[in-house]
Amino acid sequence: MIDAEDIRKMTKDEIDAKIDALRKDHYTLRVQSKTGKLEKQHSIKGLKKDIARLMTIRNEMAKSA
């Protein structure tokens, strides 16, 4: 889980890179879930929340600039 304070210290490019990496992880977890190889189903939910948190702060930064 990523804290909002840590995200606000990142640059826009770092946030975008982190979002891309988490989206790839999310895809991988979804595939594992569908094939029955995922043991921790709750990890998908936490990952989605992290992506949403990053996108929210990125949008806040864009509006303030």
Foldseek 3Di string as FASTA:
>chain_A
DDDLVVLLVDDLVVLVVVLVVLVVVLVVQVVCVVVVNDDDPCVNVVSVVVNVSSVVVSVVVVVVD
